[in-house]
PDB file of N, CA and C in Angstrom:
ATOM      1  N   MET A   1     -15.389  32.148 -21.969  1.00  0.00           N
ATOM      2  CA  MET A   1     -15.321  30.633 -21.566  1.00  0.00           C
ATOM      3  C   MET A   1     -13.854  30.750 -21.687  1.00  0.00           C
ATOM      4  N   ALA A   2     -13.042  30.326 -20.493  1.00  0.00           N
ATOM      5  CA  ALA A   2     -11.691  29.816 -20.243  1.00  0.00           C
ATOM      6  C   ALA A   2     -11.613  29.100 -21.462  1.00  0.00           C
ATOM      7  N   ASP A   3      -9.840  28.471 -21.894  1.00  0.00           N
ATOM      8  CA  ASP A   3      -9.372  27.676 -22.921  1.00  0.00           C
ATOM      9  C   ASP A   3      -9.501  26.507 -22.025  1.00  0.00           C
ATOM     10  N   PRO A   4      -9.721  25.524 -22.873  1.00  0.00           N
ATOM     11  CA  PRO A   4     -10.028  24.006 -22.570  1.00  0.00           C
ATOM     12  C   PRO A   4      -8.794  23.319 -22.428  1.00  0.00           C
ATOM     13  N   LEU A   5      -8.477  22.732 -21.549  1.00  0.00           N
ATOM     14  CA  LEU A   5      -7.341  21.823 -20.949  1.00  0.00           C
ATOM     15  C   LEU A   5      -7.161  20.957 -22.182  1.00  0.00           C
ATOM     16  N   ARG A   6      -5.720  21.091 -22.884  1.00  0.00           N
ATOM     17  CA  ARG A   6      -5.765  19.750 -23.947  1.00  0.00           C
ATOM     18  C   ARG A   6      -4.799  18.769 -23.477  1.00  0.00           C
ATOM     19  N   ILE A   7      -4.992  17.235 -23.133  1.00  0.00           N
ATOM     20  CA  ILE A   7      -4.316  16.444 -22.960  1.00  0.00           C
ATOM     21  C   ILE A   7      -4.357  15.715 -24.192  1.00  0.00           C
ATOM     22  N   ASP A   8      -3.039  15.453 -24.662  1.00  0.00           N
ATOM     23  CA  ASP A   8      -2.530  14.099 -25.557  1.00  0.00           C
ATOM     24  C   ASP A   8      -2.449  13.388 -25.180  1.00  0.00           C
ATOM     25  N   SER A   9      -3.193  12.372 -25.788  1.00  0.00           N
ATOM     26  CA  SER A   9      -3.658  11.031 -25.704  1.00  0.00           C
ATOM     27  C   SER A   9      -2.336   9.708 -25.981  1.00  0.00           C
ATOM     28  N   LEU A  10      -2.435   9.020 -25.467  1.00  0.00           N
ATOM     29  CA  LEU A  10      -1.535   7.837 -26.559  1.00  0.00           C
ATOM     30  C   LEU A  10      -2.386   7.220 -27.415  1.00  0.00           C
ATOM     31  N   ARG A  11      -3.765   7.093 -27.148  1.00  0.00           N
ATOM     32  CA  ARG A  11      -4.758   6.355 -28.296  1.00  0.00           C
ATOM     33  C   ARG A  11      -5.026   7.125 -29.353  1.00  0.00           C
ATOM     34  N   LYS A  12      -5.814   8.664 -29.378  1.00  0.00           N
ATOM     35  CA  LYS A  12      -5.781   8.924 -30.493  1.00  0.00           C
ATOM     36  C   LYS A  12      -5.612  10.785 -30.135  1.00  0.00           C
ATOM     37  N   GLY A  13      -5.875  11.617 -31.115  1.00  0.00           N
ATOM     38  CA  GLY A  13      -5.338  12.557 -31.003  1.00  0.00           C
ATOM     39  C   GLY A  13      -5.936  13.473 -29.874  1.00  0.00           C
ATOM     40  N   PRO A  14      -5.976  14.923 -29.399  1.00  0.00           N
ATOM     41  CA  PRO A  14      -5.506  15.613 -28.090  1.00  0.00           C
ATOM     42  C   PRO A  14      -7.191  15.396 -27.977  1.00  0.00           C
ATOM     43  N   ILE A  15      -7.574  15.572 -26.207  1.00  0.00           N
ATOM     44  CA  ILE A  15      -8.406  15.142 -26.035  1.00  0.00           C
ATOM     45  C   ILE A  15      -8.693  16.628 -25.592  1.00  0.00           C
ATOM     46  N   GLU A  16      -9.837  17.168 -25.634  1.00  0.00           N
ATOM     47  CA  GLU A  16     -10.229  18.821 -24.688  1.00  0.00           C
ATOM     48  C   GLU A  16     -11.266  18.441 -23.397  1.00  0.00           C
ATOM     49  N   ILE A  17     -10.854  19.399 -22.630  1.00  0.00           N
ATOM     50  CA  ILE A  17     -11.323  18.845 -21.596  1.00  0.00           C
ATOM     51  C   ILE A  17     -11.843  20.567 -20.877  1.00  0.00           C
ATOM     52  N   ASN A  18     -12.578  21.125 -20.771  1.00  0.00           N
ATOM     53  CA  ASN A  18     -12.952  22.811 -20.419  1.00  0.00           C
ATOM     54  C   ASN A  18     -13.097  22.231 -18.874  1.00  0.00           C
ATOM     55  N   ALA A  19     -13.256  23.390 -17.790  1.00  0.00           N
ATOM     56  CA  ALA A  19     -13.347  23.718 -16.555  1.00  0.00           C
ATOM     57  C   ALA A  19     -14.624  22.772 -15.816  1.00  0.00           C
ATOM     58  N   THR A  20     -15.750  23.305 -16.745  1.00  0.00           N
ATOM     59  CA  THR A  20     -17.036  22.357 -16.417  1.00  0.00           C
ATOM     60  C   THR A  20     -17.087  20.914 -16.315  1.00  0.00           C
ATOM     61  N   GLN A  21     -16.425  20.343 -16.973  1.00  0.00           N
ATOM     62  CA  GLN A  21     -16.368  18.598 -16.904  1.00  0.00           C
ATOM     63  C   GLN A  21     -14.930  18.266 -16.053  1.00  0.00           C
ATOM     64  N   MET A  22     -14.312  18.916 -15.531  1.00  0.00           N
ATOM     65  CA  MET A  22     -13.664  18.224 -14.343  1.00  0.00           C
ATOM     66  C   MET A  22     -13.927  18.827 -13.144  1.00  0.00           C
ATOM     67  N   ARG A  23     -14.336  17.146 -12.121  1.00  0.00           N
ATOM     68  CA  ARG A  23     -14.674  17.165 -11.612  1.00  0.00           C
ATOM     69  C   ARG A  23     -13.864  16.429  -9.846  1.00  0.00           C
ATOM     70  N   THR A  24     -14.118  16.410  -8.734  1.00  0.00           N
ATOM     71  CA  THR A  24     -13.085  15.690  -7.782  1.00  0.00           C
ATOM     72  C   THR A  24     -13.342  14.516  -8.007  1.00  0.00           C
ATOM     73  N   PRO A  25     -12.363  13.700  -8.069  1.00  0.00           N
ATOM     74  CA  PRO A  25     -12.634  12.082  -8.210  1.00  0.00           C
ATOM     75  C   PRO A  25     -13.531  11.603  -7.035  1.00  0.00           C
ATOM     76  N   SER A  26     -14.155  11.015  -7.335  1.00  0.00           N
ATOM     77  CA  SER A  26     -14.742   9.899  -6.085  1.00  0.00           C
ATOM     78  C   SER A  26     -13.877   8.565  -5.702  1.00  0.00           C
ATOM     79  N   PRO A  27     -13.553   8.357  -3.765  1.00  0.00           N
ATOM     80  CA  PRO A  27     -13.099   6.907  -3.918  1.00  0.00           C
ATOM     81  C   PRO A  27     -13.453   5.711  -5.265  1.00  0.00           C
ATOM     82  N   ARG A  28     -12.191   5.101  -5.230  1.00  0.00           N
ATOM     83  CA  ARG A  28     -12.530   4.002  -6.226  1.00  0.00           C
ATOM     84  C   ARG A  28     -12.323   2.876  -5.574  1.00  0.00           C
ATOM     85  N   VAL A  29     -12.961   1.732  -6.041  1.00  0.00           N
ATOM     86  CA  VAL A  29     -13.433   0.692  -5.693  1.00  0.00           C
ATOM     87  C   VAL A  29     -12.206  -0.619  -6.175  1.00  0.00           C
ATOM     88  N   SER A  30     -11.687  -1.206  -6.215  1.00  0.00           N
ATOM     89  CA  SER A  30     -10.812  -1.981  -6.997  1.00  0.00           C
ATOM     90  C   SER A  30     -12.180  -3.267  -7.282  1.00  0.00           C
ATOM     91  N   GLU A  31     -11.567  -4.133  -8.320  1.00  0.00           N
ATOM     92  CA  GLU A  31     -12.635  -5.163  -8.930  1.00  0.00           C
ATOM     93  C   GLU A  31     -12.985  -5.646  -7.860  1.00  0.00           C
ATOM     94  N   GLY A  32     -12.158  -6.452  -6.859  1.00  0.00           N
ATOM     95  CA  GLY A  32     -12.676  -7.665  -5.835  1.00  0.00           C
ATOM     96  C   GLY A  32     -13.656  -6.645  -4.822  1.00  0.00           C
ATOM     97  N   GLY A  33     -13.915  -4.877  -4.960  1.00  0.00           N
ATOM     98  CA  GLY A  33     -14.899  -4.480  -4.076  1.00  0.00           C
ATOM     99  C   GLY A  33     -14.426  -3.858  -2.912  1.00  0.00           C
ATOM    100  N   ARG A  34     -13.282  -3.591  -2.959  1.00  0.00           N
ATOM    101  CA  ARG A  34     -12.677  -3.219  -1.460  1.00  0.00           C
ATOM    102  C   ARG A  34     -12.069  -2.207  -2.047  1.00  0.00           C
ATOM    103  N   SER A  35     -11.940  -1.086  -1.438  1.00  0.00           N
ATOM    104  CA  SER A  35     -11.341  -0.036  -1.114  1.00  0.00           C
ATOM    105  C   SER A  35      -9.373  -0.115  -0.764  1.00  0.00           C
ATOM    106  N   PHE A  36      -8.708   0.869  -1.866  1.00  0.00           N
ATOM    107  CA  PHE A  36      -7.305   0.902  -1.488  1.00  0.00           C
ATOM    108  C   PHE A  36      -7.300   1.190   0.039  1.00  0.00           C
ATOM    109  N   GLN A  37      -8.229   1.940   1.023  1.00  0.00           N
ATOM    110  CA  GLN A  37      -8.011   2.289   2.744  1.00  0.00           C
ATOM    111  C   GLN A  37      -7.870   0.615   3.168  1.00  0.00           C
ATOM    112  N   GLU A  38      -8.819  -0.357   2.475  1.00  0.00           N
ATOM    113  CA  GLU A  38      -9.294  -1.282   3.140  1.00  0.00           C
ATOM    114  C   GLU A  38      -7.929  -2.554   2.934  1.00  0.00           C
ATOM    115  N   THR A  39      -7.540  -2.046   1.769  1.00  0.00           N
ATOM    116  CA  THR A  39      -6.783  -3.255   1.481  1.00  0.00           C
ATOM    117  C   THR A  39      -5.441  -2.881   2.403  1.00  0.00           C
ATOM    118  N   LEU A  40      -5.157  -1.599   2.251  1.00  0.00           N
ATOM    119  CA  LEU A  40      -3.932  -1.381   2.952  1.00  0.00           C
ATOM    120  C   LEU A  40      -4.016  -1.807   4.506  1.00  0.00           C
ATOM    121  N   THR A  41      -5.749  -1.696   5.216  1.00  0.00           N
ATOM    122  CA  THR A  41      -5.852  -1.896   6.771  1.00  0.00           C
ATOM    123  C   THR A  41      -5.298  -2.892   6.554  1.00  0.00           C
ATOM    124  N   ASP A  42      -6.166  -4.174   5.710  1.00  0.00           N
ATOM    125  CA  ASP A  42      -5.873  -5.343   5.879  1.00  0.00           C
ATOM    126  C   ASP A  42      -4.200  -6.189   5.759  1.00  0.00           C
ATOM    127  N   ALA A  43      -3.252  -5.444   4.996  1.00  0.00           N
ATOM    128  CA  ALA A  43      -1.926  -5.797   5.134  1.00  0.00           C
ATOM    129  C   ALA A  43      -1.129  -5.535   6.558  1.00  0.00           C
ATOM    130  N   MET A  44      -2.059  -4.026   6.804  1.00  0.00           N
ATOM    131  CA  MET A  44      -0.936  -3.966   8.258  1.00  0.00           C
ATOM    132  C   MET A  44      -1.557  -4.810   9.389  1.00  0.00           C
ATOM    133  N   THR A  45      -2.861  -5.577   8.925  1.00  0.00           N
ATOM    134  CA  THR A  45      -3.412  -5.886  10.346  1.00  0.00           C
ATOM    135  C   THR A  45      -2.204  -7.656  10.067  1.00  0.00           C
ATOM    136  N   GLU A  46      -2.300  -7.699   8.892  1.00  0.00           N
ATOM    137  CA  GLU A  46      -1.609  -8.974   8.470  1.00  0.00           C
ATOM    138  C   GLU A  46      -0.172  -8.929   9.121  1.00  0.00           C
ATOM    139  N   VAL A  47       0.517  -8.149   8.515  1.00  0.00           N
ATOM    140  CA  VAL A  47       2.177  -7.825   9.027  1.00  0.00           C
ATOM    141  C   VAL A  47       2.079  -7.703  10.739  1.00  0.00           C
ATOM    142  N   GLN A  48       0.302  -7.546  11.575  1.00  0.00           N
ATOM    143  CA  GLN A  48       0.612  -7.140  12.575  1.00  0.00           C
ATOM    144  C   GLN A  48       0.558  -8.861  13.278  1.00  0.00           C
ATOM    145  N   ARG A  49       0.129  -9.616  12.510  1.00  0.00           N
ATOM    146  CA  ARG A  49      -0.078 -11.096  12.735  1.00  0.00           C
ATOM    147  C   ARG A  49       0.872 -11.848  12.523  1.00  0.00           C
ATOM    148  N   LEU A  50       1.771 -11.678  12.029  1.00  0.00           N
ATOM    149  CA  LEU A  50       3.312 -12.352  11.693  1.00  0.00           C
ATOM    150  C   LEU A  50       4.078 -11.752  12.426  1.00  0.00           C
ATOM    151  N   GLN A  51       4.132 -10.444  12.806  1.00  0.00           N
ATOM    152  CA  GLN A  51       4.913 -10.117  13.986  1.00  0.00           C
ATOM    153  C   GLN A  51       4.587 -10.890  15.854  1.00  0.00           C
ATOM    154  N   SER A  52       2.877 -10.922  15.677  1.00  0.00           N
ATOM    155  CA  SER A  52       2.930 -11.271  17.089  1.00  0.00           C
ATOM    156  C   SER A  52       3.431 -13.021  16.852  1.00  0.00           C
ATOM    157  N   GLU A  53       3.150 -14.142  15.527  1.00  0.00           N
ATOM    158  CA  GLU A  53       3.315 -14.853  15.691  1.00  0.00           C
ATOM    159  C   GLU A  53       4.703 -15.482  16.168  1.00  0.00           C
ATOM    160  N   ALA A  54       5.526 -14.309  15.339  1.00  0.00           N
ATOM    161  CA  ALA A  54       7.115 -14.612  15.559  1.00  0.00           C
ATOM    162  C   ALA A  54       7.398 -14.352  16.888  1.00  0.00           C
ATOM    163  N   ASP A  55       6.711 -13.074  17.980  1.00  0.00           N
ATOM    164  CA  ASP A  55       7.294 -13.068  19.434  1.00  0.00           C
ATOM    165  C   ASP A  55       6.650 -14.390  19.873  1.00  0.00           C
ATOM    166  N   THR A  56       5.815 -14.998  19.986  1.00  0.00           N
ATOM    167  CA  THR A  56       5.186 -15.844  20.262  1.00  0.00           C
ATOM    168  C   THR A  56       6.148 -17.135  20.280  1.00  0.00           C
ATOM    169  N   THR A  57       6.037 -17.578  19.044  1.00  0.00           N
ATOM    170  CA  THR A  57       7.485 -18.693  18.962  1.00  0.00           C
ATOM    171  C   THR A  57       8.829 -18.564  19.151  1.00  0.00           C
ATOM    172  N   THR A  58       9.065 -17.193  19.346  1.00  0.00           N
ATOM    173  CA  THR A  58      10.424 -17.091  19.743  1.00  0.00           C
ATOM    174  C   THR A  58      10.383 -17.296  21.453  1.00  0.00           C
ATOM    175  N   LYS A  59       9.228 -17.026  22.256  1.00  0.00           N
ATOM    176  CA  LYS A  59       8.838 -16.864  23.259  1.00  0.00           C
ATOM    177  C   LYS A  59       8.371 -18.359  23.758  1.00  0.00           C
ATOM    178  N   GLN A  60       8.179 -19.046  23.040  1.00  0.00           N
ATOM    179  CA  GLN A  60       8.076 -20.742  23.064  1.00  0.00           C
ATOM    180  C   GLN A  60       9.254 -21.407  23.259  1.00  0.00           C
ATOM    181  N   LEU A  61      10.268 -21.104  22.204  1.00  0.00           N
ATOM    182  CA  LEU A  61      11.252 -21.285  22.321  1.00  0.00           C
ATOM    183  C   LEU A  61      12.196 -21.523  23.443  1.00  0.00           C
ATOM    184  N   VAL A  62      11.764 -20.021  24.203  1.00  0.00           N
ATOM    185  CA  VAL A  62      13.071 -19.105  24.978  1.00  0.00           C
ATOM    186  C   VAL A  62      12.546 -20.212  26.461  1.00  0.00           C
ATOM    187  N   ALA A  63      11.042 -20.988  26.146  1.00  0.00           N
ATOM    188  CA  ALA A  63      10.822 -21.258  27.546  1.00  0.00           C
ATOM    189  C   ALA A  63      11.020 -22.822  27.619  1.00  0.00           C
ATOM    190  N   GLY A  64      11.293 -23.612  26.585  1.00  0.00           N
ATOM    191  CA  GLY A  64      11.196 -24.951  26.074  1.00  0.00           C
ATOM    192  C   GLY A  64      10.438 -25.577  25.300  1.00  0.00           C
ATOM    193  N   GLU A  65       9.641 -24.580  25.080  1.00  0.00           N
ATOM    194  CA  GLU A  65       8.248 -25.290  24.560  1.00  0.00           C
ATOM    195  C   GLU A  65       7.849 -26.255  23.342  1.00  0.00           C
ATOM    196  N   LEU A  66       9.325 -25.126  22.333  1.00  0.00           N
ATOM    197  CA  LEU A  66       9.566 -25.265  20.990  1.00  0.00           C
ATOM    198  C   LEU A  66      10.932 -25.990  21.155  1.00  0.00           C
ATOM    199  N   LYS A  67      11.333 -26.915  20.416  1.00  0.00           N
ATOM    200  CA  LYS A  67      12.425 -27.569  20.462  1.00  0.00           C
ATOM    201  C   LYS A  67      13.090 -27.224  18.647  1.00  0.00           C
ATOM    202  N   ASP A  68      12.467 -27.060  18.015  1.00  0.00           N
ATOM    203  CA  ASP A  68      13.010 -27.044  17.081  1.00  0.00           C
ATOM    204  C   ASP A  68      13.398 -25.179  15.987  1.00  0.00           C
ATOM    205  N   VAL A  69      14.710 -25.099  15.981  1.00  0.00           N
ATOM    206  CA  VAL A  69      14.816 -23.366  15.767  1.00  0.00           C
ATOM    207  C   VAL A  69      14.249 -22.670  14.630  1.00  0.00           C
ATOM    208  N   SER A  70      14.858 -23.868  13.785  1.00  0.00           N
ATOM    209  CA  SER A  70      14.275 -23.205  12.129  1.00  0.00           C
ATOM    210  C   SER A  70      12.592 -22.748  12.474  1.00  0.00           C
ATOM    211  N   GLU A  71      11.569 -23.250  13.152  1.00  0.00           N
ATOM    212  CA  GLU A  71      10.433 -23.020  13.352  1.00  0.00           C
ATOM    213  C   GLU A  71      10.404 -21.174  13.673  1.00  0.00           C
ATOM    214  N   VAL A  72      10.933 -20.829  14.564  1.00  0.00           N
ATOM    215  CA  VAL A  72      10.986 -19.944  15.187  1.00  0.00           C
ATOM    216  C   VAL A  72      11.688 -18.747  13.833  1.00  0.00           C
ATOM    217  N   MET A  73      12.641 -19.578  13.083  1.00  0.00           N
ATOM    218  CA  MET A  73      13.451 -18.673  12.446  1.00  0.00           C
ATOM    219  C   MET A  73      12.679 -18.209  10.979  1.00  0.00           C
ATOM    220  N   VAL A  74      12.069 -19.139  10.846  1.00  0.00           N
ATOM    221  CA  VAL A  74      11.019 -19.233   9.448  1.00  0.00           C
ATOM    222  C   VAL A  74       9.760 -17.938   9.842  1.00  0.00           C
ATOM    223  N   ALA A  75       9.066 -18.007  11.198  1.00  0.00           N
ATOM    224  CA  ALA A  75       8.177 -16.865  12.014  1.00  0.00           C
ATOM    225  C   ALA A  75       9.034 -15.853  11.851  1.00  0.00           C
ATOM    226  N   VAL A  76      10.231 -15.531  12.145  1.00  0.00           N
ATOM    227  CA  VAL A  76      11.016 -14.019  12.378  1.00  0.00           C
ATOM    228  C   VAL A  76      11.135 -13.663  10.980  1.00  0.00           C
ATOM    229  N   GLU A  77      11.703 -14.649  10.000  1.00  0.00           N
ATOM    230  CA  GLU A  77      12.105 -14.316   8.837  1.00  0.00           C
ATOM    231  C   GLU A  77      10.638 -13.471   7.978  1.00  0.00           C
ATOM    232  N   LYS A  78       9.429 -14.324   7.630  1.00  0.00           N
ATOM    233  CA  LYS A  78       7.975 -13.588   7.717  1.00  0.00           C
ATOM    234  C   LYS A  78       7.986 -12.397   8.279  1.00  0.00           C
ATOM    235  N   ALA A  79       7.863 -12.212   9.312  1.00  0.00           N
ATOM    236  CA  ALA A  79       7.558 -11.133   9.406  1.00  0.00           C
ATOM    237  C   ALA A  79       8.567 -10.007   9.411  1.00  0.00           C
ATOM    238  N   ASP A  80      10.028 -10.345   9.146  1.00  0.00           N
ATOM    239  CA  ASP A  80      10.685  -9.398   8.812  1.00  0.00           C
ATOM    240  C   ASP A  80      10.544  -8.936   7.127  1.00  0.00           C
ATOM    241  N   VAL A  81      10.036  -9.703   6.177  1.00  0.00           N
ATOM    242  CA  VAL A  81       9.874  -9.408   4.779  1.00  0.00           C
ATOM    243  C   VAL A  81       8.791  -8.667   5.047  1.00  0.00           C
ATOM    244  N   ALA A  82       7.469  -9.458   5.558  1.00  0.00           N
ATOM    245  CA  ALA A  82       5.825  -8.423   5.443  1.00  0.00           C
ATOM    246  C   ALA A  82       6.420  -7.170   5.919  1.00  0.00           C
ATOM    247  N   PHE A  83       7.195  -6.924   6.939  1.00  0.00           N
ATOM    248  CA  PHE A  83       7.388  -5.530   7.633  1.00  0.00           C
ATOM    249  C   PHE A  83       8.222  -4.776   6.989  1.00  0.00           C
ATOM    250  N   GLN A  84       9.314  -5.353   6.276  1.00  0.00           N
ATOM    251  CA  GLN A  84      10.233  -4.387   5.177  1.00  0.00           C
ATOM    252  C   GLN A  84       9.484  -3.990   3.692  1.00  0.00           C
ATOM    253  N   THR A  85       8.382  -5.105   3.462  1.00  0.00           N
ATOM    254  CA  THR A  85       7.495  -4.864   2.152  1.00  0.00           C
ATOM    255  C   THR A  85       6.682  -3.680   2.496  1.00  0.00           C
ATOM    256  N   MET A  86       6.118  -3.845   3.988  1.00  0.00           N
ATOM    257  CA  MET A  86       5.464  -2.696   3.875  1.00  0.00           C
ATOM    258  C   MET A  86       6.053  -1.433   3.859  1.00  0.00           C
ATOM    259  N   MET A  87       7.059  -1.519   4.638  1.00  0.00           N
ATOM    260  CA  MET A  87       7.828  -0.047   4.680  1.00  0.00           C
ATOM    261  C   MET A  87       8.235   0.575   3.081  1.00  0.00           C
ATOM    262  N   THR A  88       8.409  -0.865   2.330  1.00  0.00           N
ATOM    263  CA  THR A  88       8.710  -0.041   1.080  1.00  0.00           C
ATOM    264  C   THR A  88       7.223   0.699   0.711  1.00  0.00           C
ATOM    265  N   VAL A  89       6.274  -0.051   0.570  1.00  0.00           N
ATOM    266  CA  VAL A  89       5.179   0.757  -0.056  1.00  0.00           C
ATOM    267  C   VAL A  89       4.758   2.170   0.844  1.00  0.00           C
ATOM    268  N   ARG A  90       4.891   1.880   2.070  1.00  0.00           N
ATOM    269  CA  ARG A  90       4.664   3.348   2.456  1.00  0.00           C
ATOM    270  C   ARG A  90       5.594   4.338   2.489  1.00  0.00           C
ATOM    271  N   ASN A  91       6.707   4.056   2.113  1.00  0.00           N
ATOM    272  CA  ASN A  91       7.963   5.205   1.516  1.00  0.00           C
ATOM    273  C   ASN A  91       7.289   5.243  -0.319  1.00  0.00           C
ATOM    274  N   LYS A  92       6.864   4.467  -0.871  1.00  0.00           N
ATOM    275  CA  LYS A  92       6.355   4.897  -2.068  1.00  0.00           C
ATOM    276  C   LYS A  92       5.296   5.744  -2.159  1.00  0.00           C
ATOM    277  N   VAL A  93       4.015   5.361  -1.378  1.00  0.00           N
ATOM    278  CA  VAL A  93       2.929   6.402  -0.990  1.00  0.00           C
ATOM    279  C   VAL A  93       3.693   7.732  -0.530  1.00  0.00           C
ATOM    280  N   MET A  94       4.361   7.922   0.309  1.00  0.00           N
ATOM    281  CA  MET A  94       4.496   8.802   0.462  1.00  0.00           C
ATOM    282  C   MET A  94       5.157   9.902  -0.304  1.00  0.00           C
ATOM    283  N   THR A  95       6.221   9.340  -1.706  1.00  0.00           N
ATOM    284  CA  THR A  95       6.946   9.702  -2.521  1.00  0.00           C
ATOM    285  C   THR A  95       5.784  10.719  -3.156  1.00  0.00           C
ATOM    286  N   ALA A  96       4.817   9.294  -3.354  1.00  0.00           N
ATOM    287  CA  ALA A  96       3.647  10.087  -4.421  1.00  0.00           C
ATOM    288  C   ALA A  96       3.464  10.930  -3.648  1.00  0.00           C
ATOM    289  N   TYR A  97       2.433  11.212  -2.711  1.00  0.00           N
ATOM    290  CA  TYR A  97       2.253  12.342  -2.375  1.00  0.00           C
ATOM    291  C   TYR A  97       3.365  13.408  -2.354  1.00  0.00           C
ATOM    292  N   GLU A  98       4.111  13.696  -1.868  1.00  0.00           N
ATOM    293  CA  GLU A  98       5.007  14.590  -1.721  1.00  0.00           C
ATOM    294  C   GLU A  98       5.052  15.449  -2.937  1.00  0.00           C
ATOM    295  N   GLU A  99       4.989  14.401  -4.280  1.00  0.00           N
ATOM    296  CA  GLU A  99       5.421  14.620  -5.512  1.00  0.00           C
ATOM    297  C   GLU A  99       3.797  15.333  -5.863  1.00  0.00           C
ATOM    298  N   ILE A 100       3.139  15.046  -5.637  1.00  0.00           N
ATOM    299  CA  ILE A 100       1.285  15.453  -5.761  1.00  0.00           C
ATOM    300  C   ILE A 100       1.192  16.815  -5.507  1.00  0.00           C
ATOM    301  N   MET A 101       1.790  17.244  -3.992  1.00  0.00           N
ATOM    302  CA  MET A 101       1.925  18.284  -3.168  1.00  0.00           C
ATOM    303  C   MET A 101       2.599  19.503  -3.820  1.00  0.00           C
ATOM    304  N   ARG A 102       3.938  18.903  -4.577  1.00  0.00           N
ATOM    305  CA  ARG A 102       4.797  19.354  -4.985  1.00  0.00           C
ATOM    306  C   ARG A 102       4.223  20.561  -6.576  1.00  0.00           C
ATOM    307  N   MET A 103       2.968  19.779  -7.299  1.00  0.00           N
ATOM    308  CA  MET A 103       2.203  20.103  -8.502  1.00  0.00           C
ATOM    309  C   MET A 103       1.973  21.097  -8.136  1.00  0.00           C
ATOM    310  N   GLN A 104       1.982  22.066  -9.307  1.00  0.00           N
ATOM    311  CA  GLN A 104       1.240  23.490  -9.469  1.00  0.00           C
ATOM    312  C   GLN A 104       0.042  23.200 -10.304  1.00  0.00           C
ATOM    313  N   VAL A 105      -1.150  23.907  -9.625  1.00  0.00           N
ATOM    314  CA  VAL A 105      -2.379  23.670 -10.216  1.00  0.00           C
ATOM    315  C   VAL A 105      -2.823  25.261 -10.909  1.00  0.00           C
TER     316      VAL A 105
END
């Protein structure tokens, strides 16, 4: 039998895990009952909705249907903040993936 993998835990002494106890992780579902994929999909859908809303309000302003420029600016800024947040999350996920791929097994 191969030497067990020793993992130093923060709670107690070392934990020993042998190869037969290791398994492929199953997809986890968050406490709300939604997977990470569903959460990301919903977030991207919301970003798309905000961008469409900003586009619509801009077109309404240009067409003369809206008189308040602040409505358009708020819609554009909401879309921009949502997009920037999505890109930050994407970059963090890509960095984590690249780091995992560099790990030696």
